[in-house]
N, C-alpha and C. Protein backbone atom coordinates (compact mmCIF):
# COMPACT_ATOMS: atom_id res chain seq x y z
N MET A 1 -46.11 36.18 -54.19
CA MET A 1 -45.41 35.09 -53.87
C MET A 1 -46.54 34.48 -52.88
N SER A 2 -46.16 33.24 -53.17
CA SER A 2 -47.64 32.40 -52.64
C SER A 2 -47.08 31.59 -51.37
N ASP A 3 -47.86 31.57 -50.24
CA ASP A 3 -46.94 30.39 -48.99
C ASP A 3 -47.35 29.11 -49.25
N VAL A 4 -46.31 28.68 -50.01
CA VAL A 4 -46.33 27.05 -49.43
C VAL A 4 -46.01 27.02 -48.74
N GLN A 5 -46.84 25.49 -47.73
CA GLN A 5 -46.67 24.78 -46.97
C GLN A 5 -46.20 23.47 -46.95
N GLN A 6 -44.89 23.34 -46.74
CA GLN A 6 -44.28 22.23 -46.61
C GLN A 6 -44.96 20.63 -45.99
N ASP A 7 -45.35 19.97 -45.85
CA ASP A 7 -46.04 18.78 -45.67
C ASP A 7 -45.16 18.31 -44.61
N LYS A 8 -45.35 18.32 -43.16
CA LYS A 8 -44.35 17.32 -42.52
C LYS A 8 -44.48 16.14 -42.56
N PRO A 9 -43.72 15.26 -41.99
CA PRO A 9 -43.68 14.17 -42.07
C PRO A 9 -44.93 13.08 -40.86
N LYS A 10 -45.48 12.44 -40.84
CA LYS A 10 -46.43 12.04 -39.78
C LYS A 10 -45.67 11.63 -38.74
N ARG A 11 -45.61 12.13 -37.37
CA ARG A 11 -44.63 11.45 -36.40
C ARG A 11 -45.65 10.63 -35.29
N PHE A 12 -45.21 9.67 -34.95
CA PHE A 12 -46.42 8.82 -34.10
C PHE A 12 -45.73 9.37 -32.93
N PRO A 13 -46.94 9.56 -31.89
CA PRO A 13 -46.94 10.30 -31.03
C PRO A 13 -45.82 9.76 -30.12
N TRP A 14 -46.04 7.92 -29.75
CA TRP A 14 -44.92 7.35 -29.07
C TRP A 14 -43.33 7.24 -29.01
N THR A 15 -43.28 7.51 -30.43
CA THR A 15 -41.76 7.78 -31.07
C THR A 15 -40.45 8.48 -29.90
N ARG A 16 -41.08 9.94 -29.76
CA ARG A 16 -40.45 10.61 -28.60
C ARG A 16 -39.50 10.01 -27.54
N ALA A 17 -40.67 9.26 -27.16
CA ALA A 17 -40.54 8.54 -26.00
C ALA A 17 -40.34 7.60 -25.74
N LEU A 18 -40.03 6.49 -26.73
CA LEU A 18 -39.39 5.37 -26.94
C LEU A 18 -37.56 5.71 -27.40
N LEU A 19 -37.48 7.26 -27.70
CA LEU A 19 -36.38 7.25 -28.31
C LEU A 19 -35.38 7.88 -26.44
N ILE A 20 -36.47 8.60 -26.04
CA ILE A 20 -35.61 8.58 -24.66
C ILE A 20 -35.48 7.64 -23.75
N PHE A 21 -36.43 6.62 -23.69
CA PHE A 21 -36.50 5.59 -22.13
C PHE A 21 -35.26 4.48 -23.50
N SER A 22 -35.31 4.49 -24.58
CA SER A 22 -33.88 4.09 -25.08
C SER A 22 -32.68 4.77 -24.95
N LEU A 23 -32.42 6.02 -24.55
CA LEU A 23 -31.35 6.17 -23.92
C LEU A 23 -31.03 6.59 -22.75
N ALA A 24 -32.25 6.09 -22.15
CA ALA A 24 -31.76 6.73 -20.44
C ALA A 24 -31.30 4.88 -20.42
N LEU A 25 -32.21 3.73 -21.07
CA LEU A 25 -31.82 2.73 -20.75
C LEU A 25 -30.04 1.79 -21.41
N ASN A 26 -30.05 3.19 -22.35
CA ASN A 26 -28.22 2.89 -22.36
C ASN A 26 -26.88 3.42 -21.60
N LEU A 27 -28.22 4.26 -20.77
CA LEU A 27 -26.95 5.31 -20.27
C LEU A 27 -27.17 4.49 -18.47
N LEU A 28 -28.04 4.21 -18.55
CA LEU A 28 -28.16 2.88 -17.20
C LEU A 28 -26.54 1.65 -17.26
N ILE A 29 -27.13 0.78 -18.72
CA ILE A 29 -26.63 0.23 -18.65
C ILE A 29 -24.79 0.36 -18.66
N VAL A 30 -24.37 1.52 -19.20
CA VAL A 30 -23.36 1.88 -19.19
C VAL A 30 -22.46 2.65 -17.79
N GLY A 31 -23.82 2.63 -17.21
CA GLY A 31 -23.15 3.66 -15.89
C GLY A 31 -22.90 2.10 -14.99
N ALA A 32 -24.15 1.21 -15.30
CA ALA A 32 -23.48 -0.01 -14.25
C ALA A 32 -22.11 -0.49 -14.99
N MET A 33 -21.86 -0.79 -15.97
CA MET A 33 -20.50 -1.40 -16.28
C MET A 33 -19.12 -0.62 -15.92
N ALA A 34 -19.81 0.94 -16.00
CA ALA A 34 -18.60 1.83 -15.59
C ALA A 34 -18.41 1.07 -13.94
N THR A 35 -19.75 1.22 -12.82
CA THR A 35 -19.39 0.71 -11.76
C THR A 35 -18.98 0.35 -11.38
N PHE A 36 -19.10 -1.34 -11.89
CA PHE A 36 -18.44 -2.73 -11.93
C PHE A 36 -16.99 -2.38 -12.13
N PHE A 37 -17.00 -1.86 -13.24
CA PHE A 37 -14.78 -2.07 -13.36
C PHE A 37 -14.55 -1.31 -12.37
N PHE A 38 -14.98 0.25 -11.85
CA PHE A 38 -13.74 0.97 -11.17
C PHE A 38 -14.15 0.70 -9.82
N ALA A 39 -15.52 0.22 -9.35
CA ALA A 39 -15.65 -0.60 -8.00
C ALA A 39 -14.79 -2.01 -7.51
N ASN A 40 -14.44 -2.53 -9.16
CA ASN A 40 -13.65 -3.80 -8.55
C ASN A 40 -12.25 -3.83 -9.20
N SER A 41 -11.77 -2.58 -9.23
CA SER A 41 -10.00 -2.79 -9.53
C SER A 41 -9.29 -1.44 -8.81
N GLY A 42 -8.42 -1.53 -9.20
CA GLY A 42 -7.61 -0.51 -8.33
C GLY A 42 -6.67 -0.69 -6.59
N PRO A 43 -6.83 0.31 -6.49
CA PRO A 43 -6.27 0.93 -4.88
C PRO A 43 -7.24 -0.13 -3.84
N ARG A 44 -8.49 0.62 -4.56
CA ARG A 44 -9.77 -0.10 -2.97
C ARG A 44 -10.07 -1.76 -3.13
N GLU A 45 -9.56 -2.14 -4.27
CA GLU A 45 -9.44 -3.62 -3.89
C GLU A 45 -8.61 -4.02 -2.78
N PHE A 46 -7.27 -3.52 -2.78
CA PHE A 46 -6.34 -3.96 -2.21
C PHE A 46 -6.65 -4.01 -1.03
N SER A 47 -6.98 -2.19 -0.45
CA SER A 47 -7.81 -2.17 0.67
C SER A 47 -8.14 -2.76 1.49
N ARG A 48 -9.22 -3.57 0.73
CA ARG A 48 -10.04 -4.40 1.23
C ARG A 48 -9.70 -5.79 1.92
N ARG A 49 -8.15 -6.01 1.52
CA ARG A 49 -7.62 -7.24 1.77
C ARG A 49 -6.80 -6.80 3.11
N PRO A 50 -7.01 -7.45 3.97
CA PRO A 50 -5.90 -7.31 4.84
C PRO A 50 -5.29 -8.28 5.15
N PRO A 51 -3.67 -7.52 5.40
CA PRO A 51 -2.78 -8.69 4.69
C PRO A 51 -2.74 -10.04 6.15
N PRO A 52 -2.06 -11.17 5.67
CA PRO A 52 -2.35 -12.37 6.57
C PRO A 52 -1.44 -12.18 7.71
N ASP A 53 -0.90 -11.22 8.26
CA ASP A 53 -0.77 -10.79 9.63
C ASP A 53 -1.24 -9.70 10.16
N GLY A 54 -1.17 -9.75 11.21
CA GLY A 54 -0.94 -8.38 11.82
C GLY A 54 -2.68 -8.14 12.67
N PRO A 55 -2.56 -6.46 12.89
CA PRO A 55 -4.17 -6.57 13.92
C PRO A 55 -5.26 -5.89 13.09
N PHE A 56 -5.06 -6.22 11.95
CA PHE A 56 -6.11 -6.23 11.00
C PHE A 56 -8.01 -6.85 11.54
N LEU A 57 -7.54 -8.27 11.56
CA LEU A 57 -8.75 -8.52 11.60
C LEU A 57 -9.22 -8.57 13.19
N TYR A 58 -8.26 -8.33 13.99
CA TYR A 58 -8.60 -7.79 15.00
C TYR A 58 -9.56 -6.67 15.21
N LEU A 59 -8.95 -5.87 14.36
CA LEU A 59 -9.75 -4.52 14.63
C LEU A 59 -11.18 -4.32 13.77
N ARG A 60 -11.27 -5.36 12.49
CA ARG A 60 -12.15 -5.53 12.05
C ARG A 60 -13.92 -6.31 12.89
N ALA A 61 -12.96 -7.15 13.80
CA ALA A 61 -13.85 -7.37 15.00
C ALA A 61 -14.98 -6.48 15.48
N PHE A 62 -13.88 -5.92 16.05
CA PHE A 62 -14.78 -4.43 16.85
C PHE A 62 -15.88 -3.83 16.05
N SER A 63 -16.67 -3.21 16.98
CA SER A 63 -17.67 -2.99 16.41
C SER A 63 -17.39 -1.24 15.96
N GLN A 64 -18.12 -0.50 15.27
CA GLN A 64 -17.56 0.53 14.64
C GLN A 64 -17.67 1.37 15.72
N GLU A 65 -18.91 1.64 17.13
CA GLU A 65 -17.93 2.64 17.95
C GLU A 65 -17.02 2.26 18.92
N ASP A 66 -16.60 0.74 19.04
CA ASP A 66 -15.43 0.39 19.72
C ASP A 66 -14.22 1.28 19.04
N ARG A 67 -14.36 0.88 17.12
CA ARG A 67 -13.34 1.10 16.55
C ARG A 67 -13.01 2.51 16.75
N ARG A 68 -13.58 3.36 16.54
CA ARG A 68 -13.59 5.07 17.06
C ARG A 68 -13.62 5.24 18.31
N ALA A 69 -13.56 4.78 19.42
CA ALA A 69 -13.44 4.93 20.42
C ALA A 69 -11.71 4.58 20.73
N LEU A 70 -11.18 3.33 20.36
CA LEU A 70 -9.95 3.08 20.02
C LEU A 70 -9.26 3.71 19.33
N GLY A 71 -9.49 4.04 18.46
CA GLY A 71 -8.62 5.46 17.61
C GLY A 71 -8.56 6.82 17.81
N ARG A 72 -9.92 7.10 18.97
CA ARG A 72 -9.80 8.03 19.66
C ARG A 72 -8.45 8.06 20.64
N GLU A 73 -8.53 7.23 21.27
CA GLU A 73 -7.93 7.38 22.04
C GLU A 73 -5.77 6.76 22.04
N PHE A 74 -5.84 5.96 20.88
CA PHE A 74 -4.41 5.82 20.44
C PHE A 74 -4.25 7.41 20.22
N PHE A 75 -4.70 7.83 19.34
CA PHE A 75 -4.19 9.39 18.73
C PHE A 75 -3.78 10.32 19.92
N LYS A 76 -5.07 10.30 20.54
CA LYS A 76 -4.56 10.93 21.42
C LYS A 76 -3.55 10.74 22.38
N ASN A 77 -2.97 9.68 22.43
CA ASN A 77 -2.26 9.63 23.43
C ASN A 77 -0.68 9.18 22.37
N SER A 78 -0.93 8.88 21.52
CA SER A 78 -0.12 8.69 20.60
C SER A 78 0.74 9.68 19.19
N LYS A 79 0.53 11.00 19.89
CA LYS A 79 0.48 12.09 18.97
C LYS A 79 2.30 12.31 19.02
N PRO A 80 2.45 12.38 17.75
CA PRO A 80 4.03 11.98 17.36
C PRO A 80 4.45 13.72 17.88
N SER A 81 5.24 14.01 18.36
CA SER A 81 5.84 15.41 18.13
C SER A 81 6.97 15.79 17.31
N PRO A 82 6.58 17.05 16.97
CA PRO A 82 7.59 17.64 15.75
C PRO A 82 8.57 16.80 15.35
N GLU A 83 9.31 16.87 16.36
CA GLU A 83 10.63 16.72 16.15
C GLU A 83 10.48 14.89 16.34
N MET A 84 9.49 13.83 16.33
CA MET A 84 9.34 12.45 15.96
C MET A 84 8.95 12.68 14.02
N ARG A 85 7.97 13.47 14.24
CA ARG A 85 7.85 13.98 12.47
C ARG A 85 8.48 13.94 11.43
N GLU A 86 9.86 15.02 12.31
CA GLU A 86 10.80 15.60 11.78
C GLU A 86 11.88 14.53 11.58
N LEU A 87 12.02 13.14 12.35
CA LEU A 87 12.74 12.33 11.88
C LEU A 87 12.36 11.46 11.47
N ALA A 88 10.52 11.15 11.24
CA ALA A 88 10.43 10.24 10.65
C ALA A 88 11.07 10.81 8.92
N LEU A 89 10.77 11.31 8.72
CA LEU A 89 10.59 12.19 7.18
C LEU A 89 12.25 12.23 7.03
N GLN A 90 12.81 12.23 8.17
CA GLN A 90 14.41 12.57 7.53
C GLN A 90 15.02 11.32 7.20
N ASP A 91 14.33 10.16 7.63
CA ASP A 91 14.78 8.75 7.50
C ASP A 91 14.39 8.49 6.31
N TYR A 92 13.56 8.49 5.38
CA TYR A 92 12.81 8.62 4.39
C TYR A 92 13.16 9.26 2.91
N GLN A 93 13.91 10.52 3.63
CA GLN A 93 14.86 11.25 2.98
C GLN A 93 16.47 10.60 2.80
N ASP A 94 16.60 10.04 3.75
CA ASP A 94 18.28 9.51 3.71
C ASP A 94 17.93 8.12 2.81
N VAL A 95 16.90 7.74 2.88
CA VAL A 95 16.52 6.35 2.05
C VAL A 95 16.84 6.71 0.71
N VAL A 96 15.69 7.98 0.47
CA VAL A 96 16.24 8.01 -1.24
C VAL A 96 17.33 8.72 -1.82
N GLU A 97 18.22 9.22 -0.76
CA GLU A 97 19.72 9.46 -1.11
C GLU A 97 20.20 8.49 -0.81
N LEU A 98 20.48 7.45 -0.64
CA LEU A 98 20.96 6.49 -0.48
C LEU A 98 20.52 5.76 -1.73
N LEU A 99 19.14 5.36 -2.00
CA LEU A 99 19.29 4.82 -3.31
C LEU A 99 19.38 5.78 -4.35
N LYS A 100 19.84 6.74 -4.80
CA LYS A 100 20.03 7.52 -5.56
C LYS A 100 21.69 7.50 -6.24
N GLN A 101 22.20 7.31 -4.82
CA GLN A 101 24.22 6.99 -4.90
C GLN A 101 24.60 5.83 -5.75
N PRO A 102 25.46 5.81 -6.78
CA PRO A 102 25.54 4.65 -7.11
C PRO A 102 26.40 3.76 -7.39
N GLU A 103 27.10 3.68 -5.66
CA GLU A 103 27.57 2.63 -4.88
C GLU A 103 26.37 2.01 -3.65
N PHE A 104 26.19 1.15 -3.81
CA PHE A 104 24.53 0.83 -3.04
C PHE A 104 25.37 0.00 -1.52
N ASN A 105 25.10 0.88 -0.55
CA ASN A 105 25.34 0.79 0.73
C ASN A 105 24.47 -0.25 1.46
N GLN A 106 24.47 -1.28 1.71
CA GLN A 106 23.64 -2.25 2.01
C GLN A 106 23.47 -1.74 3.85
N ALA A 107 24.56 -1.75 4.57
CA ALA A 107 24.80 -1.57 5.98
C ALA A 107 23.46 -0.48 6.14
N GLU A 108 23.94 1.27 5.77
CA GLU A 108 23.47 2.19 6.39
C GLU A 108 22.09 2.25 5.66
N LEU A 109 21.43 1.54 4.34
CA LEU A 109 19.96 1.35 4.25
C LEU A 109 19.35 0.15 5.48
N THR A 110 20.19 -0.32 5.74
CA THR A 110 19.89 -2.00 6.74
C THR A 110 19.53 -0.39 8.04
N SER A 111 20.30 0.14 8.52
CA SER A 111 20.34 1.03 9.44
C SER A 111 19.38 1.91 9.57
N VAL A 112 19.03 2.85 8.75
CA VAL A 112 17.98 3.80 8.69
C VAL A 112 16.18 2.58 8.44
N LEU A 113 16.36 1.46 8.13
CA LEU A 113 15.11 0.97 8.09
C LEU A 113 14.36 0.47 9.64
N GLU A 114 15.85 0.12 10.22
CA GLU A 114 15.65 -0.33 11.53
C GLU A 114 15.34 0.68 12.13
N ARG A 115 15.82 1.82 12.10
CA ARG A 115 14.99 2.81 12.69
C ARG A 115 13.84 2.81 12.62
N GLN A 116 13.63 3.24 11.27
CA GLN A 116 12.11 2.96 11.52
C GLN A 116 11.30 1.94 11.60
N HIS A 117 11.79 1.00 11.62
CA HIS A 117 11.14 -0.02 12.38
C HIS A 117 10.91 0.00 13.85
N GLN A 118 11.68 0.47 14.37
CA GLN A 118 11.85 0.42 16.05
C GLN A 118 10.97 1.15 16.44
N ARG A 119 10.01 2.35 15.42
CA ARG A 119 9.30 3.71 15.88
C ARG A 119 7.86 2.74 15.74
N SER A 120 8.05 1.67 14.61
CA SER A 120 7.09 1.37 14.34
C SER A 120 6.41 0.45 15.52
N THR A 121 7.56 -0.46 15.70
CA THR A 121 7.41 -1.29 16.90
C THR A 121 6.42 -0.84 18.08
N THR A 122 7.28 0.52 18.53
CA THR A 122 6.74 1.22 19.40
C THR A 122 5.29 1.40 19.49
N LEU A 123 4.98 2.05 18.55
CA LEU A 123 3.41 2.19 18.35
C LEU A 123 2.84 0.69 18.24
N GLN A 124 2.89 0.07 17.63
CA GLN A 124 1.84 -1.22 17.25
C GLN A 124 1.72 -2.10 19.23
N GLU A 125 3.43 -1.87 20.06
CA GLU A 125 3.59 -2.21 21.48
C GLU A 125 1.85 -1.23 22.09
N ARG A 126 2.00 0.16 21.92
CA ARG A 126 0.87 0.94 22.43
C ARG A 126 -0.24 0.27 22.15
N GLY A 127 -0.34 0.41 21.12
CA GLY A 127 -2.09 0.15 20.27
C GLY A 127 -1.87 -1.52 20.49
N ARG A 128 -1.05 -2.39 21.06
CA ARG A 128 -1.70 -3.92 21.19
C ARG A 128 -1.95 -3.63 23.17
N GLN A 129 -1.31 -2.81 23.59
CA GLN A 129 -1.83 -2.77 24.95
C GLN A 129 -2.94 -2.37 25.51
N MET A 130 -3.09 -1.05 24.60
CA MET A 130 -4.46 -0.61 24.58
C MET A 130 -5.62 -1.22 24.28
N MET A 131 -5.44 -2.60 23.68
CA MET A 131 -6.75 -3.63 22.70
C MET A 131 -6.69 -4.37 24.11
N VAL A 132 -5.87 -5.08 24.35
CA VAL A 132 -5.74 -5.50 25.71
C VAL A 132 -6.91 -5.47 26.74
N GLU A 133 -6.23 -4.19 27.32
CA GLU A 133 -6.87 -2.71 28.37
C GLU A 133 -8.59 -2.75 27.74
N TYR A 134 -8.59 -2.27 26.53
CA TYR A 134 -10.00 -1.85 26.26
C TYR A 134 -11.05 -3.29 26.23
N LEU A 135 -10.94 -4.51 26.24
CA LEU A 135 -11.22 -5.69 26.27
C LEU A 135 -11.28 -5.77 28.11
N GLY A 136 -10.50 -6.00 28.18
CA GLY A 136 -10.54 -6.10 29.92
C GLY A 136 -11.63 -5.40 30.76
N THR A 137 -12.06 -4.49 30.07
CA THR A 137 -13.02 -3.26 30.32
C THR A 137 -14.46 -3.90 30.19
N LYS A 138 -14.94 -4.53 29.27
CA LYS A 138 -15.82 -5.23 28.83
C LYS A 138 -16.58 -6.49 29.85
N THR A 139 -17.84 -6.72 29.52
CA THR A 139 -18.39 -7.66 29.80
C THR A 139 -18.10 -8.56 29.72
N PRO A 140 -18.08 -9.91 29.86
CA PRO A 140 -18.13 -11.58 29.62
C PRO A 140 -19.07 -11.71 28.61
N ALA A 141 -19.90 -10.89 28.12
CA ALA A 141 -20.98 -11.05 27.06
C ALA A 141 -20.50 -9.96 25.67
N GLU A 142 -19.96 -9.15 26.16
CA GLU A 142 -19.56 -8.11 25.23
C GLU A 142 -18.08 -8.63 24.87
N ARG A 143 -17.30 -9.37 24.86
CA ARG A 143 -15.58 -9.98 24.81
C ARG A 143 -16.69 -11.34 24.36
N ALA A 144 -17.64 -12.04 24.77
CA ALA A 144 -18.10 -13.25 23.64
C ALA A 144 -18.15 -12.96 22.29
N ALA A 145 -19.27 -11.87 22.25
CA ALA A 145 -19.98 -11.44 21.18
C ALA A 145 -18.23 -10.98 19.63
N TYR A 146 -17.80 -10.25 20.51
CA TYR A 146 -16.71 -9.38 20.05
C TYR A 146 -15.67 -10.69 19.70
N ALA A 147 -15.38 -11.82 20.80
CA ALA A 147 -15.40 -13.63 20.03
C ALA A 147 -15.50 -13.89 18.76
N ASP A 148 -17.33 -14.00 19.18
CA ASP A 148 -18.05 -14.25 17.71
C ASP A 148 -17.30 -13.65 16.59
N ARG A 149 -17.67 -12.20 16.71
CA ARG A 149 -17.21 -11.82 15.13
C ARG A 149 -15.61 -11.94 14.91
N LEU A 150 -14.67 -11.86 15.70
CA LEU A 150 -13.53 -12.28 15.28
C LEU A 150 -13.66 -13.56 14.56
N ALA A 151 -14.13 -14.38 14.89
CA ALA A 151 -13.99 -15.93 14.62
C ALA A 151 -14.53 -15.82 13.08
N GLU A 152 -16.18 -14.68 12.74
CA GLU A 152 -16.17 -14.21 11.59
C GLU A 152 -15.33 -14.15 10.53
N GLU A 153 -14.58 -13.15 11.18
CA GLU A 153 -13.50 -12.06 10.40
C GLU A 153 -12.59 -13.33 10.06
N VAL A 154 -12.16 -14.15 10.61
CA VAL A 154 -10.87 -15.30 10.53
C VAL A 154 -11.64 -16.08 9.63
N SER A 155 -12.92 -16.72 9.47
CA SER A 155 -13.42 -17.47 8.35
C SER A 155 -13.58 -16.92 7.03
N GLU A 156 -14.20 -15.85 7.31
CA GLU A 156 -13.76 -15.11 6.06
C GLU A 156 -12.11 -14.89 5.51
N PHE A 157 -11.55 -14.71 6.19
CA PHE A 157 -10.11 -14.58 5.85
C PHE A 157 -9.57 -15.88 5.62
N ARG A 158 -9.98 -16.68 6.19
CA ARG A 158 -9.77 -18.48 5.72
C ARG A 158 -9.99 -18.60 4.16
N SER A 159 -11.60 -18.23 3.96
CA SER A 159 -12.23 -18.47 2.73
C SER A 159 -12.10 -17.91 1.49
N ARG A 160 -11.14 -16.57 1.95
CA ARG A 160 -10.66 -15.54 0.69
C ARG A 160 -9.19 -16.74 0.51
N GLY A 161 -8.62 -17.19 0.70
CA GLY A 161 -7.11 -17.29 0.68
C GLY A 161 -7.71 -19.10 0.31
N LYS A 162 -8.85 -19.50 0.28
CA LYS A 162 -9.15 -20.85 -0.93
C LYS A 162 -9.59 -20.55 -2.18
N LYS A 163 -9.49 -19.14 -2.38
CA LYS A 163 -9.99 -18.83 -3.81
C LYS A 163 -9.08 -18.15 -4.36
N GLY A 164 -7.58 -18.40 -4.10
CA GLY A 164 -6.28 -17.93 -4.59
C GLY A 164 -6.09 -16.53 -5.04
N ASP A 165 -6.42 -16.45 -4.06
CA ASP A 165 -6.17 -14.65 -3.80
C ASP A 165 -4.69 -14.43 -3.76
N ARG A 166 -4.23 -13.36 -3.84
CA ARG A 166 -2.54 -13.36 -3.04
C ARG A 166 -2.18 -13.55 -1.93
N TYR A 167 -2.97 -14.21 -0.93
CA TYR A 167 -3.06 -14.11 0.44
C TYR A 167 -3.35 -16.05 0.63
N GLY A 168 -3.83 -16.47 -0.33
CA GLY A 168 -4.07 -18.07 0.07
C GLY A 168 -3.66 -18.44 -1.47
N PRO A 169 -3.25 -20.01 -1.59
CA PRO A 169 -3.04 -20.81 -2.31
C PRO A 169 -4.33 -20.56 -3.40
N LYS A 170 -3.51 -21.14 -4.79
CA LYS A 170 -4.15 -21.57 -5.87
C LYS A 170 -4.87 -22.86 -5.80
N PRO A 171 -6.01 -22.40 -6.85
CA PRO A 171 -6.77 -23.80 -6.28
C PRO A 171 -5.94 -25.08 -8.08
């Protein structure tokens, strides 16, 4: 038998590098598109927007250190007892059972929601009092810096309302 060598087609040396570069570029574009899509949709988008009323703007205006200190203090003093946790879970279970009944019992549902509201109000009162006391410990310069950050948060919140999001008017 004779050894027959097949002639390989000539390849340019830069062809392989060009293909690898093209693949990397395509993957980069697909990755950027996926990042844009996932970063700007879903639950995260909702979590970035504070409701129109409540403590959220006040809390966002605190520095990261202040938020941590307030949070530690709040949870240290507001840890629910196992009994309170069980009461809260029982209220949710009561609502589930009320909603599954063929006849809607509006008075009973209102009663359960009122119990939940009372527990929530107690926690809000505690948080508000802690915030007032915490700001009372700050120097005038620190309070002024906080006031500036709060004004910036209010301004940002106001401008979002002008863009026609769920918290403001449509243009």
